Amino acid sequence: MVNETRPDVIFMYDSADPQFTQSEVWKNLSAVKNQRVYRVDMTWREAEGPYSRLWVTMDIAHKTYPELFPAPTLAKVEEALCLAH
């Protein structure tokens, strides 16, 4: 199924087995060939509420375009939500 969607970018949890990229199905995907497989932490699993959702969005932007977007920080999330003091 994943080979039918041909993803350009893949995000996977830190706990996922990194060996999957060596399988016949996965190693021919452009995301794997171009080293665009990113490990993410459990913040992504807890994406409830504005903080977590914005953090995940900022993390996606940073991982896919690091030259344009800085890594998310609590200060940046609060600033974006207009909560910084």
PDB file of N, CA and C in Angstrom:
ATOM      1  N   MET A   1       0.820  -1.191   0.000  1.00  0.00           N
ATOM      2  CA  MET A   1       0.000   0.000   0.000  1.00  0.00           C
ATOM      3  C   MET A   1       0.871   1.265   0.000  1.00  0.00           C
ATOM      4  N   VAL A   2       1.900   1.301   0.853  1.00  0.00           N
ATOM      5  CA  VAL A   2       2.741   2.497   0.912  1.00  0.00           C
ATOM      6  C   VAL A   2       3.473   2.715  -0.404  1.00  0.00           C
ATOM      7  N   ASN A   3       3.819   1.643  -1.092  1.00  0.00           N
ATOM      8  CA  ASN A   3       4.501   1.813  -2.377  1.00  0.00           C
ATOM      9  C   ASN A   3       3.567   2.381  -3.438  1.00  0.00           C
ATOM     10  N   GLU A   4       2.258   2.267  -3.241  1.00  0.00           N
ATOM     11  CA  GLU A   4       1.297   2.862  -4.171  1.00  0.00           C
ATOM     12  C   GLU A   4       1.197   4.377  -3.973  1.00  0.00           C
ATOM     13  N   THR A   5       1.399   4.838  -2.746  1.00  0.00           N
ATOM     14  CA  THR A   5       1.301   6.274  -2.472  1.00  0.00           C
ATOM     15  C   THR A   5       2.600   7.007  -2.787  1.00  0.00           C
ATOM     16  N   ARG A   6       3.696   6.293  -2.841  1.00  0.00           N
ATOM     17  CA  ARG A   6       5.017   6.840  -3.181  1.00  0.00           C
ATOM     18  C   ARG A   6       5.337   8.145  -2.439  1.00  0.00           C
ATOM     19  N   PRO A   7       5.423   8.103  -1.111  1.00  0.00           N
ATOM     20  CA  PRO A   7       5.664   9.334  -0.355  1.00  0.00           C
ATOM     21  C   PRO A   7       7.045   9.933  -0.607  1.00  0.00           C
ATOM     22  N   ASP A   8       7.097  11.256  -0.607  1.00  0.00           N
ATOM     23  CA  ASP A   8       8.367  11.976  -0.729  1.00  0.00           C
ATOM     24  C   ASP A   8       9.010  12.189   0.635  1.00  0.00           C
ATOM     25  N   VAL A   9       8.182  12.156   1.682  1.00  0.00           N
ATOM     26  CA  VAL A   9       8.644  12.358   3.052  1.00  0.00           C
ATOM     27  C   VAL A   9       7.914  11.361   3.940  1.00  0.00           C
ATOM     28  N   ILE A  10       8.634  10.781   4.911  1.00  0.00           N
ATOM     29  CA  ILE A  10       8.035   9.856   5.872  1.00  0.00           C
ATOM     30  C   ILE A  10       8.442  10.300   7.267  1.00  0.00           C
ATOM     31  N   PHE A  11       7.479  10.338   8.189  1.00  0.00           N
ATOM     32  CA  PHE A  11       7.745  10.608   9.595  1.00  0.00           C
ATOM     33  C   PHE A  11       7.435   9.336  10.359  1.00  0.00           C
ATOM     34  N   MET A  12       8.333   8.950  11.289  1.00  0.00           N
ATOM     35  CA  MET A  12       8.088   7.752  12.088  1.00  0.00           C
ATOM     36  C   MET A  12       8.513   8.012  13.525  1.00  0.00           C
ATOM     37  N   TYR A  13       7.832   7.333  14.462  1.00  0.00           N
ATOM     38  CA  TYR A  13       8.157   7.492  15.874  1.00  0.00           C
ATOM     39  C   TYR A  13       9.550   6.980  16.176  1.00  0.00           C
ATOM     40  N   ASP A  14      10.175   7.566  17.192  1.00  0.00           N
ATOM     41  CA  ASP A  14      11.502   7.134  17.637  1.00  0.00           C
ATOM     42  C   ASP A  14      11.546   5.637  17.911  1.00  0.00           C
ATOM     43  N   SER A  15      10.434   5.093  18.397  1.00  0.00           N
ATOM     44  CA  SER A  15      10.394   3.679  18.768  1.00  0.00           C
ATOM     45  C   SER A  15      10.238   2.738  17.573  1.00  0.00           C
ATOM     46  N   ALA A  16       9.993   3.265  16.388  1.00  0.00           N
ATOM     47  CA  ALA A  16       9.822   2.416  15.196  1.00  0.00           C
ATOM     48  C   ALA A  16      11.152   1.775  14.813  1.00  0.00           C
ATOM     49  N   ASP A  17      11.075   0.600  14.253  1.00  0.00           N
ATOM     50  CA  ASP A  17      12.265  -0.133  13.825  1.00  0.00           C
ATOM     51  C   ASP A  17      12.849   0.523  12.580  1.00  0.00           C
ATOM     52  N   PRO A  18      14.053   1.084  12.671  1.00  0.00           N
ATOM     53  CA  PRO A  18      14.635   1.760  11.505  1.00  0.00           C
ATOM     54  C   PRO A  18      15.003   0.809  10.368  1.00  0.00           C
ATOM     55  N   GLN A  19      15.006  -0.489  10.626  1.00  0.00           N
ATOM     56  CA  GLN A  19      15.387  -1.459   9.604  1.00  0.00           C
ATOM     57  C   GLN A  19      14.349  -1.589   8.490  1.00  0.00           C
ATOM     58  N   PHE A  20      13.151  -1.051   8.719  1.00  0.00           N
ATOM     59  CA  PHE A  20      12.127  -1.172   7.685  1.00  0.00           C
ATOM     60  C   PHE A  20      12.585  -0.565   6.365  1.00  0.00           C
ATOM     61  N   THR A  21      13.444   0.436   6.422  1.00  0.00           N
ATOM     62  CA  THR A  21      13.885   1.100   5.195  1.00  0.00           C
ATOM     63  C   THR A  21      14.741   0.194   4.318  1.00  0.00           C
ATOM     64  N   GLN A  22      15.177  -0.932   4.862  1.00  0.00           N
ATOM     65  CA  GLN A  22      15.991  -1.873   4.088  1.00  0.00           C
ATOM     66  C   GLN A  22      15.143  -2.918   3.363  1.00  0.00           C
ATOM     67  N   SER A  23      13.847  -2.961   3.654  1.00  0.00           N
ATOM     68  CA  SER A  23      12.987  -3.957   3.008  1.00  0.00           C
ATOM     69  C   SER A  23      12.807  -3.620   1.529  1.00  0.00           C
ATOM     70  N   GLU A  24      12.486  -4.614   0.749  1.00  0.00           N
ATOM     71  CA  GLU A  24      12.303  -4.425  -0.696  1.00  0.00           C
ATOM     72  C   GLU A  24      11.205  -3.408  -1.001  1.00  0.00           C
ATOM     73  N   VAL A  25      10.155  -3.420  -0.208  1.00  0.00           N
ATOM     74  CA  VAL A  25       9.034  -2.507  -0.440  1.00  0.00           C
ATOM     75  C   VAL A  25       9.451  -1.060  -0.187  1.00  0.00           C
ATOM     76  N   TRP A  26      10.172  -0.831   0.901  1.00  0.00           N
ATOM     77  CA  TRP A  26      10.483   0.525   1.323  1.00  0.00           C
ATOM     78  C   TRP A  26      11.710   1.128   0.661  1.00  0.00           C
ATOM     79  N   LYS A  27      12.734   0.341   0.406  1.00  0.00           N
ATOM     80  CA  LYS A  27      13.998   0.939  -0.041  1.00  0.00           C
ATOM     81  C   LYS A  27      13.928   1.593  -1.416  1.00  0.00           C
ATOM     82  N   ASN A  28      12.879   1.316  -2.167  1.00  0.00           N
ATOM     83  CA  ASN A  28      12.721   1.945  -3.477  1.00  0.00           C
ATOM     84  C   ASN A  28      11.860   3.210  -3.452  1.00  0.00           C
ATOM     85  N   LEU A  29      11.371   3.581  -2.284  1.00  0.00           N
ATOM     86  CA  LEU A  29      10.569   4.801  -2.162  1.00  0.00           C
ATOM     87  C   LEU A  29      11.473   6.026  -2.236  1.00  0.00           C
ATOM     88  N   SER A  30      10.995   7.076  -2.865  1.00  0.00           N
ATOM     89  CA  SER A  30      11.816   8.282  -2.995  1.00  0.00           C
ATOM     90  C   SER A  30      12.170   8.869  -1.628  1.00  0.00           C
ATOM     91  N   ALA A  31      11.268   8.773  -0.653  1.00  0.00           N
ATOM     92  CA  ALA A  31      11.564   9.294   0.684  1.00  0.00           C
ATOM     93  C   ALA A  31      12.783   8.599   1.280  1.00  0.00           C
ATOM     94  N   VAL A  32      12.878   7.297   1.091  1.00  0.00           N
ATOM     95  CA  VAL A  32      14.012   6.533   1.616  1.00  0.00           C
ATOM     96  C   VAL A  32      15.259   6.814   0.781  1.00  0.00           C
ATOM     97  N   LYS A  33      15.123   6.784  -0.527  1.00  0.00           N
ATOM     98  CA  LYS A  33      16.269   7.045  -1.410  1.00  0.00           C
ATOM     99  C   LYS A  33      16.879   8.421  -1.168  1.00  0.00           C
ATOM    100  N   ASN A  34      16.036   9.406  -0.903  1.00  0.00           N
ATOM    101  CA  ASN A  34      16.496  10.784  -0.723  1.00  0.00           C
ATOM    102  C   ASN A  34      16.737  11.151   0.742  1.00  0.00           C
ATOM    103  N   GLN A  35      16.733  10.129   1.610  1.00  0.00           N
ATOM    104  CA  GLN A  35      16.974  10.313   3.048  1.00  0.00           C
ATOM    105  C   GLN A  35      16.032  11.342   3.655  1.00  0.00           C
ATOM    106  N   ARG A  36      14.750  11.211   3.329  1.00  0.00           N
ATOM    107  CA  ARG A  36      13.726  12.108   3.859  1.00  0.00           C
ATOM    108  C   ARG A  36      12.787  11.334   4.776  1.00  0.00           C
ATOM    109  N   VAL A  37      13.385  10.441   5.582  1.00  0.00           N
ATOM    110  CA  VAL A  37      12.657   9.707   6.615  1.00  0.00           C
ATOM    111  C   VAL A  37      13.081  10.324   7.938  1.00  0.00           C
ATOM    112  N   TYR A  38      12.125  10.889   8.668  1.00  0.00           N
ATOM    113  CA  TYR A  38      12.429  11.624   9.887  1.00  0.00           C
ATOM    114  C   TYR A  38      11.832  10.928  11.093  1.00  0.00           C
ATOM    115  N   ARG A  39      12.623  10.858  12.156  1.00  0.00           N
ATOM    116  CA  ARG A  39      12.164  10.282  13.411  1.00  0.00           C
ATOM    117  C   ARG A  39      11.543  11.406  14.236  1.00  0.00           C
ATOM    118  N   VAL A  40      10.423  11.116  14.853  1.00  0.00           N
ATOM    119  CA  VAL A  40       9.721  12.105  15.669  1.00  0.00           C
ATOM    120  C   VAL A  40       9.489  11.538  17.063  1.00  0.00           C
ATOM    121  N   ASP A  41       9.367  12.438  18.054  1.00  0.00           N
ATOM    122  CA  ASP A  41       9.173  11.971  19.420  1.00  0.00           C
ATOM    123  C   ASP A  41       7.687  11.855  19.757  1.00  0.00           C
ATOM    124  N   MET A  42       7.423  11.533  21.001  1.00  0.00           N
ATOM    125  CA  MET A  42       6.047  11.269  21.413  1.00  0.00           C
ATOM    126  C   MET A  42       5.188  12.533  21.491  1.00  0.00           C
ATOM    127  N   THR A  43       5.776  13.702  21.324  1.00  0.00           N
ATOM    128  CA  THR A  43       4.977  14.926  21.246  1.00  0.00           C
ATOM    129  C   THR A  43       3.937  14.773  20.146  1.00  0.00           C
ATOM    130  N   TRP A  44       4.323  14.095  19.082  1.00  0.00           N
ATOM    131  CA  TRP A  44       3.414  13.906  17.954  1.00  0.00           C
ATOM    132  C   TRP A  44       2.213  13.061  18.339  1.00  0.00           C
ATOM    133  N   ARG A  45       2.411  12.124  19.234  1.00  0.00           N
ATOM    134  CA  ARG A  45       1.318  11.241  19.629  1.00  0.00           C
ATOM    135  C   ARG A  45       0.318  11.967  20.519  1.00  0.00           C
ATOM    136  N   GLU A  46       0.779  12.962  21.202  1.00  0.00           N
ATOM    137  CA  GLU A  46      -0.064  13.705  22.134  1.00  0.00           C
ATOM    138  C   GLU A  46      -0.575  15.001  21.516  1.00  0.00           C
ATOM    139  N   ALA A  47      -0.821  15.001  20.232  1.00  0.00           N
ATOM    140  CA  ALA A  47      -1.210  16.230  19.521  1.00  0.00           C
ATOM    141  C   ALA A  47      -2.647  16.642  19.813  1.00  0.00           C
ATOM    142  N   GLU A  48      -2.909  16.888  21.076  1.00  0.00           N
ATOM    143  CA  GLU A  48      -4.216  17.380  21.510  1.00  0.00           C
ATOM    144  C   GLU A  48      -4.024  18.814  21.985  1.00  0.00           C
ATOM    145  N   GLY A  49      -4.853  19.691  21.558  1.00  0.00           N
ATOM    146  CA  GLY A  49      -4.760  21.072  22.003  1.00  0.00           C
ATOM    147  C   GLY A  49      -3.823  21.901  21.152  1.00  0.00           C
ATOM    148  N   PRO A  50      -3.894  23.210  21.328  1.00  0.00           N
ATOM    149  CA  PRO A  50      -3.153  24.119  20.447  1.00  0.00           C
ATOM    150  C   PRO A  50      -1.636  24.011  20.568  1.00  0.00           C
ATOM    151  N   TYR A  51      -1.097  23.796  21.772  1.00  0.00           N
ATOM    152  CA  TYR A  51       0.364  23.699  21.909  1.00  0.00           C
ATOM    153  C   TYR A  51       0.916  22.550  21.082  1.00  0.00           C
ATOM    154  N   SER A  52       0.388  21.361  21.316  1.00  0.00           N
ATOM    155  CA  SER A  52       0.913  20.175  20.630  1.00  0.00           C
ATOM    156  C   SER A  52       0.693  20.243  19.133  1.00  0.00           C
ATOM    157  N   ARG A  53      -0.464  20.674  18.713  1.00  0.00           N
ATOM    158  CA  ARG A  53      -0.734  20.754  17.272  1.00  0.00           C
ATOM    159  C   ARG A  53       0.215  21.727  16.583  1.00  0.00           C
ATOM    160  N   LEU A  54       0.433  22.873  17.208  1.00  0.00           N
ATOM    161  CA  LEU A  54       1.343  23.850  16.619  1.00  0.00           C
ATOM    162  C   LEU A  54       2.775  23.322  16.640  1.00  0.00           C
ATOM    163  N   TRP A  55       3.165  22.644  17.734  1.00  0.00           N
ATOM    164  CA  TRP A  55       4.510  22.064  17.823  1.00  0.00           C
ATOM    165  C   TRP A  55       4.731  21.084  16.674  1.00  0.00           C
ATOM    166  N   VAL A  56       3.772  20.204  16.443  1.00  0.00           N
ATOM    167  CA  VAL A  56       3.895  19.211  15.368  1.00  0.00           C
ATOM    168  C   VAL A  56       3.992  19.910  14.014  1.00  0.00           C
ATOM    169  N   THR A  57       3.178  20.918  13.787  1.00  0.00           N
ATOM    170  CA  THR A  57       3.221  21.657  12.524  1.00  0.00           C
ATOM    171  C   THR A  57       4.583  22.325  12.327  1.00  0.00           C
ATOM    172  N   MET A  58       5.100  22.941  13.379  1.00  0.00           N
ATOM    173  CA  MET A  58       6.413  23.584  13.296  1.00  0.00           C
ATOM    174  C   MET A  58       7.524  22.552  13.088  1.00  0.00           C
ATOM    175  N   ASP A  59       7.366  21.382  13.698  1.00  0.00           N
ATOM    176  CA  ASP A  59       8.356  20.314  13.550  1.00  0.00           C
ATOM    177  C   ASP A  59       8.364  19.774  12.118  1.00  0.00           C
ATOM    178  N   ILE A  60       7.186  19.615  11.525  1.00  0.00           N
ATOM    179  CA  ILE A  60       7.103  19.178  10.126  1.00  0.00           C
ATOM    180  C   ILE A  60       7.812  20.198   9.233  1.00  0.00           C
ATOM    181  N   ALA A  61       7.514  21.468   9.435  1.00  0.00           N
ATOM    182  CA  ALA A  61       8.141  22.519   8.621  1.00  0.00           C
ATOM    183  C   ALA A  61       9.657  22.484   8.766  1.00  0.00           C
ATOM    184  N   HIS A  62      10.139  22.345  10.001  1.00  0.00           N
ATOM    185  CA  HIS A  62      11.589  22.324  10.241  1.00  0.00           C
ATOM    186  C   HIS A  62      12.258  21.097   9.630  1.00  0.00           C
ATOM    187  N   LYS A  63      11.645  19.938   9.807  1.00  0.00           N
ATOM    188  CA  LYS A  63      12.262  18.714   9.297  1.00  0.00           C
ATOM    189  C   LYS A  63      12.278  18.667   7.765  1.00  0.00           C
ATOM    190  N   THR A  64      11.256  19.197   7.137  1.00  0.00           N
ATOM    191  CA  THR A  64      11.205  19.141   5.677  1.00  0.00           C
ATOM    192  C   THR A  64      11.927  20.310   5.013  1.00  0.00           C
ATOM    193  N   TYR A  65      11.985  21.454   5.688  1.00  0.00           N
ATOM    194  CA  TYR A  65      12.662  22.638   5.140  1.00  0.00           C
ATOM    195  C   TYR A  65      13.498  23.323   6.226  1.00  0.00           C
ATOM    196  N   PRO A  66      14.547  22.657   6.721  1.00  0.00           N
ATOM    197  CA  PRO A  66      15.321  23.227   7.835  1.00  0.00           C
ATOM    198  C   PRO A  66      15.986  24.561   7.509  1.00  0.00           C
ATOM    199  N   GLU A  67      16.225  24.814   6.241  1.00  0.00           N
ATOM    200  CA  GLU A  67      16.850  26.083   5.865  1.00  0.00           C
ATOM    201  C   GLU A  67      15.870  27.255   5.977  1.00  0.00           C
ATOM    202  N   LEU A  68      14.584  26.961   6.040  1.00  0.00           N
ATOM    203  CA  LEU A  68      13.569  28.016   6.124  1.00  0.00           C
ATOM    204  C   LEU A  68      12.929  28.150   7.500  1.00  0.00           C
ATOM    205  N   PHE A  69      12.833  27.036   8.242  1.00  0.00           N
ATOM    206  CA  PHE A  69      12.109  27.034   9.510  1.00  0.00           C
ATOM    207  C   PHE A  69      12.993  26.507  10.638  1.00  0.00           C
ATOM    208  N   PRO A  70      13.087  27.256  11.745  1.00  0.00           N
ATOM    209  CA  PRO A  70      13.872  26.782  12.885  1.00  0.00           C
ATOM    210  C   PRO A  70      13.136  25.649  13.608  1.00  0.00           C
ATOM    211  N   ALA A  71      13.882  24.901  14.404  1.00  0.00           N
ATOM    212  CA  ALA A  71      13.271  23.844  15.217  1.00  0.00           C
ATOM    213  C   ALA A  71      12.312  24.485  16.215  1.00  0.00           C
ATOM    214  N   PRO A  72      11.202  23.820  16.508  1.00  0.00           N
ATOM    215  CA  PRO A  72      10.252  24.400  17.452  1.00  0.00           C
ATOM    216  C   PRO A  72      10.818  24.441  18.872  1.00  0.00           C
ATOM    217  N   THR A  73      10.437  25.468  19.589  1.00  0.00           N
ATOM    218  CA  THR A  73      10.761  25.602  21.012  1.00  0.00           C
ATOM    219  C   THR A  73       9.491  26.069  21.709  1.00  0.00           C
ATOM    220  N   LEU A  74       9.445  25.900  23.011  1.00  0.00           N
ATOM    221  CA  LEU A  74       8.275  26.352  23.759  1.00  0.00           C
ATOM    222  C   LEU A  74       8.071  27.852  23.571  1.00  0.00           C
ATOM    223  N   ALA A  75       9.156  28.610  23.582  1.00  0.00           N
ATOM    224  CA  ALA A  75       9.050  30.066  23.404  1.00  0.00           C
ATOM    225  C   ALA A  75       8.452  30.418  22.046  1.00  0.00           C
ATOM    226  N   LYS A  76       8.870  29.708  20.990  1.00  0.00           N
ATOM    227  CA  LYS A  76       8.346  29.983  19.643  1.00  0.00           C
ATOM    228  C   LYS A  76       6.864  29.617  19.546  1.00  0.00           C
ATOM    229  N   VAL A  77       6.485  28.510  20.180  1.00  0.00           N
ATOM    230  CA  VAL A  77       5.076  28.098  20.157  1.00  0.00           C
ATOM    231  C   VAL A  77       4.230  29.122  20.899  1.00  0.00           C
ATOM    232  N   GLU A  78       4.688  29.537  22.077  1.00  0.00           N
ATOM    233  CA  GLU A  78       3.944  30.545  22.839  1.00  0.00           C
ATOM    234  C   GLU A  78       3.854  31.865  22.074  1.00  0.00           C
ATOM    235  N   GLU A  79       4.935  32.235  21.416  1.00  0.00           N
ATOM    236  CA  GLU A  79       4.933  33.465  20.618  1.00  0.00           C
ATOM    237  C   GLU A  79       3.907  33.368  19.488  1.00  0.00           C
ATOM    238  N   ALA A  80       3.874  32.233  18.814  1.00  0.00           N
ATOM    239  CA  ALA A  80       2.929  32.037  17.713  1.00  0.00           C
ATOM    240  C   ALA A  80       1.489  32.033  18.211  1.00  0.00           C
ATOM    241  N   LEU A  81       1.287  31.562  19.427  1.00  0.00           N
ATOM    242  CA  LEU A  81      -0.055  31.547  20.009  1.00  0.00           C
ATOM    243  C   LEU A  81      -0.366  32.849  20.750  1.00  0.00           C
ATOM    244  N   CYS A  82       0.548  33.818  20.669  1.00  0.00           N
ATOM    245  CA  CYS A  82       0.390  35.124  21.335  1.00  0.00           C
ATOM    246  C   CYS A  82       0.276  34.976  22.850  1.00  0.00           C
ATOM    247  N   LEU A  83       1.037  34.030  23.403  1.00  0.00           N
ATOM    248  CA  LEU A  83       1.003  33.796  24.845  1.00  0.00           C
ATOM    249  C   LEU A  83       2.281  34.230  25.544  1.00  0.00           C
ATOM    250  N   ALA A  84       3.272  34.671  24.783  1.00  0.00           N
ATOM    251  CA  ALA A  84       4.550  35.070  25.385  1.00  0.00           C
ATOM    252  C   ALA A  84       4.348  36.299  26.262  1.00  0.00           C
ATOM    253  N   HIS A  85       5.036  36.307  27.373  1.00  0.00           N
ATOM    254  CA  HIS A  85       4.915  37.433  28.320  1.00  0.00           C
ATOM    255  C   HIS A  85       6.041  38.400  28.124  1.00  0.00           C
TER     256      HIS A  85
END
